[in-house]
Protein backbone atom coordinates (compact mmCIF):
# COMPACT_ATOMS: atom_id res chain seq x y z
CA UNK A 1 -32.18 0.29 10.51
CA UNK A 2 -30.68 -3.06 9.54
CA UNK A 3 -28.83 -3.84 6.31
CA UNK A 4 -31.80 -5.59 4.74
CA UNK A 5 -33.99 -2.52 5.15
CA UNK A 6 -31.26 -0.31 3.73
CA UNK A 7 -30.83 -2.64 0.73
CA UNK A 8 -34.59 -2.56 0.05
CA UNK A 9 -34.56 1.25 0.31
CA UNK A 10 -31.72 1.47 -2.22
CA UNK A 11 -33.51 -0.97 -4.55
CA UNK A 12 -36.64 1.21 -4.34
CA UNK A 13 -34.58 4.26 -5.30
CA UNK A 14 -32.95 2.42 -8.21
CA UNK A 15 -36.34 1.18 -9.49
CA UNK A 16 -37.69 4.75 -9.81
CA UNK A 17 -36.87 7.10 -12.61
CA UNK A 18 -34.17 9.18 -10.93
CA UNK A 19 -35.77 12.40 -12.21
CA UNK A 20 -39.16 11.37 -10.77
CA UNK A 21 -38.12 10.98 -7.13
CA UNK A 22 -39.17 14.56 -6.30
CA UNK A 23 -42.74 13.72 -7.48
CA UNK A 24 -42.68 10.60 -5.31
CA UNK A 25 -41.67 12.65 -2.27
CA UNK A 26 -44.44 15.22 -2.91
CA UNK A 27 -47.07 12.48 -3.18
CA UNK A 28 -45.90 10.86 0.08
CA UNK A 29 -46.12 14.19 1.90
CA UNK A 30 -49.59 14.89 0.51
CA UNK A 31 -50.84 11.43 1.53
CA UNK A 32 -49.47 11.94 5.04
CA UNK A 33 -51.26 15.27 5.38
CA UNK A 34 -54.63 13.73 4.41
CA UNK A 35 -54.38 11.00 7.11
CA UNK A 36 -56.28 11.36 10.43
CA UNK A 37 -54.47 13.47 13.00
CA UNK A 38 -54.24 10.72 15.62
CA UNK A 39 -52.61 8.39 13.08
CA UNK A 40 -50.11 11.05 12.07
CA UNK A 41 -49.22 11.66 15.69
CA UNK A 42 -48.60 7.96 16.23
CA UNK A 43 -46.38 7.27 13.25
CA UNK A 44 -44.86 10.58 12.25
CA UNK A 45 -41.95 10.46 14.69
CA UNK A 46 -40.76 6.90 14.07
CA UNK A 47 -41.52 7.16 10.36
CA UNK A 48 -39.67 10.41 9.88
CA UNK A 49 -36.70 9.14 11.90
CA UNK A 50 -36.49 6.03 9.70
CA UNK A 51 -36.77 8.08 6.50
CA UNK A 52 -34.20 10.61 7.71
CA UNK A 53 -31.70 7.90 8.70
CA UNK A 54 -32.19 6.12 5.38
CA UNK A 55 -31.80 9.39 3.48
CA UNK A 56 -28.65 10.29 5.41
CA UNK A 57 -27.12 6.87 4.74
CA UNK A 58 -27.88 7.08 1.03
CA UNK A 59 -26.48 10.59 0.73
CA UNK A 60 -23.24 9.54 2.43
CA UNK A 61 -22.87 6.00 1.03
CA UNK A 62 -24.39 6.04 -2.46
CA UNK A 63 -22.55 8.24 -5.00
CA UNK A 64 -25.43 8.20 -7.51
CA UNK A 65 -28.01 9.27 -4.95
CA UNK A 66 -25.59 11.84 -3.51
CA UNK A 67 -25.23 13.51 -6.89
CA UNK A 68 -29.01 13.42 -7.47
CA UNK A 69 -29.82 14.89 -4.03
CA UNK A 70 -27.47 17.82 -4.51
CA UNK A 71 -29.11 18.64 -7.88
CA UNK A 72 -32.70 18.33 -6.68
CA UNK A 73 -34.51 21.52 -5.60
CA UNK A 74 -36.43 19.74 -2.81
CA UNK A 75 -33.60 17.62 -1.43
CA UNK A 76 -30.62 19.97 -1.85
CA UNK A 77 -30.97 21.90 1.49
CA UNK A 78 -31.27 18.68 3.51
CA UNK A 79 -28.50 16.96 1.57
CA UNK A 80 -26.11 19.84 2.15
CA UNK A 81 -26.89 19.73 5.88
CA UNK A 82 -26.20 16.01 6.36
CA UNK A 83 -23.61 15.30 3.64
CA UNK A 84 -20.43 14.39 5.53
CA UNK A 85 -18.60 13.73 2.29
CA UNK A 86 -18.10 17.45 1.66
CA UNK A 87 -14.42 18.20 2.00
CA UNK A 88 -13.42 21.87 1.98
CA UNK A 89 -9.78 20.83 2.05
CA UNK A 90 -10.18 18.99 -1.26
CA UNK A 91 -11.98 21.99 -2.74
CA UNK A 92 -9.05 24.14 -1.62
CA UNK A 93 -6.63 21.75 -3.30
CA UNK A 94 -8.52 22.21 -6.56
CA UNK A 95 -8.73 25.98 -6.11
CA UNK A 96 -4.99 26.23 -5.40
CA UNK A 97 -4.24 24.26 -8.59
CA UNK A 98 -2.83 21.20 -6.80
CA UNK A 99 -5.22 18.91 -8.70
CA UNK A 100 -3.61 17.50 -11.79
CA UNK A 101 -6.01 16.67 -14.60
CA UNK A 102 -5.42 13.37 -16.35
CA UNK A 103 -6.91 11.72 -19.41
CA UNK A 104 -6.72 8.02 -18.57
CA UNK A 105 -9.39 5.49 -19.57
CA UNK A 106 -9.00 1.85 -18.57
CA UNK A 107 -11.20 -1.12 -19.48
CA UNK A 108 -11.08 -4.60 -17.90
CA UNK A 109 -13.94 -6.97 -18.64
CA UNK A 110 -17.21 -5.23 -17.81
CA UNK A 111 -15.48 -2.41 -15.90
CA UNK A 112 -14.40 0.97 -17.19
CA UNK A 113 -12.40 3.45 -15.12
CA UNK A 114 -12.02 7.10 -16.18
CA UNK A 115 -9.30 8.73 -14.10
CA UNK A 116 -9.93 12.49 -14.10
CA UNK A 117 -7.70 14.04 -11.42
CA UNK A 118 -4.73 13.23 -9.20
CA UNK A 119 -3.66 15.15 -6.07
CA UNK A 120 -0.25 14.30 -4.59
CA UNK A 121 1.65 15.21 -1.50
CA UNK A 122 4.50 13.45 0.28
CA UNK A 123 2.26 10.99 2.14
CA UNK A 124 -0.69 10.27 -0.11
CA UNK A 125 -1.85 10.09 -3.69
CA UNK A 126 -5.55 10.80 -4.23
CA UNK A 127 -7.24 9.40 -7.34
CA UNK A 128 -10.55 10.93 -8.47
CA UNK A 129 -12.28 8.77 -11.06
CA UNK A 130 -15.56 7.48 -12.45
CA UNK A 131 -16.08 3.72 -12.43
CA UNK A 132 -18.79 1.91 -14.36
CA UNK A 133 -19.88 -1.72 -14.59
CA UNK A 134 -21.68 -2.78 -17.77
CA UNK A 135 -22.22 0.90 -18.54
CA UNK A 136 -23.84 1.75 -15.19
CA UNK A 137 -22.20 3.60 -12.26
CA UNK A 138 -20.44 1.07 -10.06
CA UNK A 139 -21.91 1.08 -6.54
CA UNK A 140 -20.45 -2.12 -5.13
CA UNK A 141 -21.57 -5.74 -5.07
CA UNK A 142 -22.15 -8.31 -2.38
CA UNK A 143 -19.43 -10.97 -1.98
CA UNK A 144 -17.93 -12.83 -3.72
CA UNK A 145 -17.96 -9.91 -6.19
CA UNK A 146 -15.61 -7.24 -4.90
CA UNK A 147 -15.12 -4.89 -7.85
CA UNK A 148 -11.91 -4.31 -9.74
CA UNK A 149 -8.51 -4.08 -8.12
CA UNK A 150 -6.63 -0.85 -8.84
CA UNK A 151 -2.91 -1.45 -9.21
CA UNK A 152 -0.51 1.49 -8.86
CA UNK A 153 3.24 0.80 -9.17
CA UNK A 154 6.47 2.72 -9.68
CA UNK A 155 8.91 2.49 -12.60
CA UNK A 156 10.36 -0.73 -11.14
CA UNK A 157 6.95 -2.38 -10.93
CA UNK A 158 6.85 -2.11 -7.13
CA UNK A 159 3.62 -1.22 -5.33
CA UNK A 160 3.81 2.35 -4.01
CA UNK A 161 1.10 2.31 -1.33
CA UNK A 162 0.33 0.52 1.92
CA UNK A 163 -3.37 1.16 2.50
CA UNK A 164 -6.32 2.79 0.78
CA UNK A 165 -9.35 4.78 1.91
CA UNK A 166 -12.34 4.81 -0.44
CA UNK A 167 -15.06 7.45 -0.48
CA UNK A 168 -16.30 9.93 -3.07
CA UNK A 169 -16.18 13.65 -3.76
CA UNK A 170 -18.70 15.59 -5.85
CA UNK A 171 -19.69 12.59 -7.96
CA UNK A 172 -16.19 11.14 -8.26
CA UNK A 173 -15.00 7.93 -6.67
CA UNK A 174 -12.09 9.01 -4.47
CA UNK A 175 -9.31 6.61 -3.50
CA UNK A 176 -6.77 8.06 -1.09
CA UNK A 177 -3.62 5.90 -1.03
CA UNK A 178 -1.08 6.10 1.81
CA UNK A 179 2.40 5.85 0.35
CA UNK A 180 5.10 3.41 1.36
CA UNK A 181 7.76 6.11 1.08
CA UNK A 182 8.07 9.77 0.25
CA UNK A 183 6.52 10.53 -3.11
CA UNK A 184 9.33 11.14 -5.60
CA UNK A 185 6.76 12.08 -8.28
CA UNK A 186 8.24 9.69 -10.80
CA UNK A 187 5.91 8.38 -13.48
CA UNK A 188 3.47 5.89 -11.94
CA UNK A 189 1.78 3.06 -13.78
CA UNK A 190 -1.91 2.28 -13.21
CA UNK A 191 -4.14 -0.55 -14.39
CA UNK A 192 -7.26 -2.33 -13.18
CA UNK A 193 -7.91 -6.06 -12.75
CA UNK A 194 -11.51 -7.29 -12.96
CA UNK A 195 -13.02 -9.63 -10.38
CA UNK A 196 -14.23 -12.06 -13.05
CA UNK A 197 -13.06 -15.67 -13.29
CA UNK A 198 -10.30 -14.79 -15.74
CA UNK A 199 -9.03 -11.83 -13.69
CA UNK A 200 -9.16 -9.74 -16.86
CA UNK A 201 -6.54 -6.98 -16.88
CA UNK A 202 -6.70 -3.60 -18.54
CA UNK A 203 -3.85 -2.06 -20.45
CA UNK A 204 -1.45 -0.01 -18.34
CA UNK A 205 -1.36 3.77 -18.38
CA UNK A 206 1.20 6.22 -17.07
CA UNK A 207 0.42 9.03 -14.62
CA UNK A 208 2.85 11.84 -15.33
CA UNK A 209 2.80 13.21 -11.81
CA UNK A 210 3.89 16.81 -12.13
CA UNK A 211 6.29 17.97 -9.38
CA UNK A 212 5.06 21.51 -9.89
CA UNK A 213 1.57 20.57 -8.65
CA UNK A 214 2.64 18.78 -5.50
CA UNK A 215 1.82 20.08 -2.05
CA UNK A 216 5.19 20.96 -0.54
CA UNK A 217 5.91 19.28 2.75
CA UNK A 218 6.37 21.34 5.93
CA UNK A 219 8.91 19.77 8.26
CA UNK A 220 9.59 20.75 11.86
CA UNK A 221 12.34 19.37 14.10
CA UNK A 222 10.90 18.81 17.58
CA UNK A 223 13.47 17.13 19.86
CA UNK A 224 10.90 16.97 22.68
CA UNK A 225 10.99 14.31 25.43
CA UNK A 226 7.84 12.85 27.03
CA UNK A 227 7.82 10.48 30.00
CA UNK A 228 5.25 7.67 30.28
CA UNK A 229 5.23 5.67 33.50
CA UNK A 230 9.01 6.01 33.87
CA UNK A 231 9.74 5.34 30.17
CA UNK A 232 10.70 8.16 27.82
CA UNK A 233 9.88 8.81 24.18
CA UNK A 234 11.56 11.53 22.15
CA UNK A 235 9.52 13.35 19.52
CA UNK A 236 11.87 13.75 16.56
CA UNK A 237 10.02 15.57 13.81
CA UNK A 238 6.67 16.54 12.35
CA UNK A 239 6.09 16.32 8.58
CA UNK A 240 2.94 18.03 7.25
CA UNK A 241 1.40 17.18 3.88
CA UNK A 242 -1.82 18.31 2.23
CA UNK A 243 -4.34 16.15 4.15
CA UNK A 244 -2.11 14.03 6.38
CA UNK A 245 0.77 14.63 8.80
CA UNK A 246 3.41 12.26 10.13
CA UNK A 247 4.90 12.42 13.62
CA UNK A 248 8.17 10.57 14.05
CA UNK A 249 9.57 9.60 17.46
CA UNK A 250 11.77 7.01 19.13
CA UNK A 251 12.16 5.38 22.52
CA UNK A 252 14.98 6.38 24.84
CA UNK A 253 17.57 3.56 24.70
CA UNK A 254 18.02 3.94 28.49
CA UNK A 255 14.45 2.81 29.12
CA UNK A 256 14.09 -0.25 31.37
CA UNK A 257 11.21 -1.56 29.23
CA UNK A 258 10.58 -1.61 25.49
CA UNK A 259 7.55 0.36 24.32
CA UNK A 260 5.92 -2.14 22.02
CA UNK A 261 2.90 -0.23 20.79
CA UNK A 262 1.21 3.10 21.43
CA UNK A 263 -2.29 4.43 20.74
CA UNK A 264 -3.05 8.11 20.28
CA UNK A 265 -6.06 10.34 19.87
CA UNK A 266 -6.00 13.82 18.41
CA UNK A 267 -8.16 16.91 18.43
CA UNK A 268 -8.08 19.22 15.42
CA UNK A 269 -9.57 22.50 16.57
CA UNK A 270 -13.16 21.68 17.48
CA UNK A 271 -13.31 18.44 15.50
CA UNK A 272 -13.96 15.18 17.28
CA UNK A 273 -10.86 13.32 18.40
CA UNK A 274 -9.96 10.10 16.61
CA UNK A 275 -7.91 7.22 17.97
CA UNK A 276 -5.11 5.75 15.87
CA UNK A 277 -2.33 3.29 16.64
CA UNK A 278 1.22 4.16 15.67
CA UNK A 279 3.18 1.89 13.40
CA UNK A 280 6.49 0.88 14.86
CA UNK A 281 9.79 -0.95 14.59
CA UNK A 282 11.76 -1.94 17.68
CA UNK A 283 13.39 1.51 17.72
CA UNK A 284 11.44 3.98 15.60
CA UNK A 285 7.78 4.94 15.57
CA UNK A 286 5.51 6.78 13.14
CA UNK A 287 2.11 8.26 13.97
CA UNK A 288 0.09 9.26 10.88
CA UNK A 289 -2.98 11.43 11.48
CA UNK A 290 -5.47 13.03 9.09
CA UNK A 291 -4.65 16.70 9.59
CA UNK A 292 -2.61 18.58 7.01
CA UNK A 293 -1.98 22.00 5.56
CA UNK A 294 -5.41 22.23 3.92
CA UNK A 295 -7.72 20.79 6.61
CA UNK A 296 -6.34 22.17 9.87
CA UNK A 297 -9.00 24.07 11.83
CA UNK A 298 -6.80 24.88 14.83
CA UNK A 299 -3.86 23.56 16.88
CA UNK A 300 -3.63 19.79 16.94
CA UNK A 301 -3.69 18.37 20.47
CA UNK A 302 -2.36 14.80 20.62
CA UNK A 303 -3.11 12.53 23.59
CA UNK A 304 -1.35 9.28 24.41
CA UNK A 305 -4.19 6.89 25.21
CA UNK A 306 -2.53 3.52 25.74
CA UNK A 307 0.91 1.90 25.58
CA UNK A 308 2.23 -1.65 25.79
CA UNK A 309 5.49 -2.18 27.68
CA UNK A 310 7.69 -5.24 27.32
CA UNK A 311 10.51 -6.07 29.71
CA UNK A 312 13.83 -6.19 27.98
CA UNK A 313 14.95 -9.21 30.02
CA UNK A 314 13.52 -12.38 28.49
CA UNK A 315 12.65 -15.68 30.17
CA UNK A 316 13.94 -18.83 28.44
CA UNK A 317 11.71 -21.89 28.86
CA UNK A 318 12.04 -25.40 27.42
CA UNK A 319 9.04 -27.51 26.50
CA UNK A 320 8.84 -31.24 25.81
CA UNK A 321 6.39 -31.63 22.92
CA UNK A 322 5.50 -35.20 23.92
CA UNK A 323 4.81 -34.75 27.61
CA UNK A 324 4.05 -30.99 27.49
CA UNK A 325 6.31 -30.53 30.51
CA UNK A 326 7.69 -26.98 30.73
CA UNK A 327 10.93 -26.07 32.50
CA UNK A 328 12.31 -22.67 33.42
CA UNK A 329 9.16 -20.82 34.41
CA UNK A 330 9.37 -18.31 37.28
CA UNK A 331 7.53 -19.16 40.48
CA UNK A 332 4.83 -16.54 39.83
CA UNK A 333 3.86 -18.16 36.49
CA UNK A 334 1.48 -21.13 36.42
CA UNK A 335 0.77 -23.47 33.50
CA UNK A 336 -2.97 -24.15 32.99
CA UNK A 337 -5.32 -25.70 30.43
CA UNK A 338 -2.85 -27.91 28.63
CA UNK A 339 -4.29 -30.02 25.83
CA UNK A 340 -2.99 -32.09 22.92
CA UNK A 341 -4.81 -33.30 19.81
CA UNK A 342 -3.82 -35.17 16.70
CA UNK A 343 -2.38 -32.12 14.98
CA UNK A 344 -2.20 -29.43 17.64
CA UNK A 345 -1.53 -28.66 21.25
CA UNK A 346 -2.33 -25.72 23.48
CA UNK A 347 -1.31 -24.38 26.85
CA UNK A 348 -1.85 -21.20 28.80
CA UNK A 349 0.28 -19.27 31.26
CA UNK A 350 -1.15 -17.41 34.22
CA UNK A 351 1.02 -14.63 35.64
CA UNK A 352 0.22 -13.69 39.24
CA UNK A 353 1.81 -10.25 38.66
CA UNK A 354 -1.08 -9.39 36.37
CA UNK A 355 0.99 -9.14 33.19
CA UNK A 356 0.85 -11.26 30.03
CA UNK A 357 3.56 -12.53 27.67
CA UNK A 358 4.71 -12.08 24.12
CA UNK A 359 6.73 -15.02 22.80
CA UNK A 360 9.23 -16.12 20.17
CA UNK A 361 10.23 -19.73 19.53
CA UNK A 362 13.86 -20.43 18.76
CA UNK A 363 13.17 -23.51 16.63
CA UNK A 364 9.84 -22.73 15.00
CA UNK A 365 7.40 -19.88 14.68
CA UNK A 366 4.70 -19.51 17.28
CA UNK A 367 1.49 -20.46 15.49
CA UNK A 368 -0.72 -18.36 17.71
CA UNK A 369 -0.58 -16.24 20.88
CA UNK A 370 -3.60 -14.51 22.36
CA UNK A 371 -4.44 -12.61 25.53
CA UNK A 372 -7.61 -13.02 27.55
CA UNK A 373 -9.84 -9.93 27.76
CA UNK A 374 -11.51 -11.30 30.89
CA UNK A 375 -8.18 -12.04 32.58
CA UNK A 376 -5.31 -9.83 31.36
CA UNK A 377 -2.75 -11.95 33.26
CA UNK A 378 -3.52 -14.99 31.06
CA UNK A 379 -1.68 -15.76 27.82
CA UNK A 380 -2.83 -18.58 25.50
CA UNK A 381 -0.41 -20.41 23.17
CA UNK A 382 -1.37 -22.58 20.22
CA UNK A 383 0.96 -24.79 18.15
CA UNK A 384 0.38 -27.05 15.17
CA UNK A 385 1.90 -30.41 15.99
CA UNK A 386 2.65 -31.12 12.32
CA UNK A 387 5.19 -28.30 12.43
CA UNK A 388 7.12 -29.78 15.35
CA UNK A 389 10.25 -31.66 14.48
CA UNK A 390 12.22 -31.41 17.77
CA UNK A 391 10.90 -33.05 20.91
CA UNK A 392 12.03 -30.12 23.04
CA UNK A 393 11.67 -26.55 21.92
CA UNK A 394 13.00 -23.36 23.48
CA UNK A 395 10.68 -20.38 23.81
CA UNK A 396 11.57 -16.83 24.74
CA UNK A 397 8.94 -15.18 26.91
CA UNK A 398 8.81 -11.39 27.17
CA UNK A 399 6.65 -10.13 30.02
CA UNK A 400 4.25 -7.46 28.80
CA UNK A 401 1.75 -5.06 30.28
CA UNK A 402 -0.83 -2.62 28.95
CA UNK A 403 -1.08 0.81 30.48
CA UNK A 404 -4.06 3.15 30.17
CA UNK A 405 -2.69 6.68 30.18
CA UNK A 406 -4.53 9.66 31.61
CA UNK A 407 -3.70 13.30 30.93
CA UNK A 408 -0.57 12.75 28.85
CA UNK A 409 -0.78 15.10 25.86
CA UNK A 410 1.19 17.51 23.73
CA UNK A 411 0.41 20.24 21.22
CA UNK A 412 1.45 20.52 17.57
CA UNK A 413 1.31 23.74 15.54
CA UNK A 414 2.67 24.82 12.19
């Protein structure tokens, strides 16, 4: 089903009296039964598949329809079967009294946000709220309307989160925020900013985040070494929160290559594995995965899927920005596809060893570097000529390679 069909389906739902949808369903079923048998046989499969897919999408993507389906005698059994928004771990957090009830009401322009509950651990803050637009439940708009921005800052006015995941839980909008640092449970300030032309702001409110309702972190020291194609990483520690855990590790300083990036997958009991990239600095790495104290269904098996290695020894090249002549390239590296326009120039390097390059300019920032999917040994460079003041620039090239990893895994338990 394409987006247009889904939009029309949602508009049909919205145009009906919400309490009359069960009558609509009954009438459709009765009409189908009265049709000739050959016609039913022809359309019933494709029709029912389309209806089922549409119904499943609405249950999982539309909070208003989700709440209606779970309270409808006809739809409830099907909704419970296909509703992937059910989260037993969140229910457990409420049952164990980790959910802190708030009484915060914010208004910005045509938006109103009623913040009902907050759940905090050391990695995330989860906000459970109801959001309305012009008095109706907010269900999202097409661009350029984006909905209000939710701003959450600490006592110094600094943003406390890096990324947000939006879904819903039992009729509430649920925003799960990944924290920049460990949650100190200091008072947090929240406000909303409307997406109108004036960027209308609400008043600010304070979340008194009780330390007595936090989910205590479990921390394990690991000190476990793993070798990947001759390079070693050392697993330092595992920190386990309510819904999310954080694995910290570092590269062995004796490695002959720098591990630039790693990609993992994990298996939580019988749940499907998910692939996530680790965030990194030149020396320390962090892998955040969505298994915590409340949603673990078995041992967590982590697999290393892919890694990027960069040689520590760099290649210094010098380029003349007028003639595009490049000096200092090794014999196995060929310059191809050079071009120069009024405000830009491009060139590509082809490495016969099959590796590509990362790059840093000593005089100016590299405007763009990309790697060819069709030819992994090719690296494309793109500069804006308006940024070039020297005629000759020095560029550091770091030879890189991607490695697909098979069978490298380790087990985490707590």
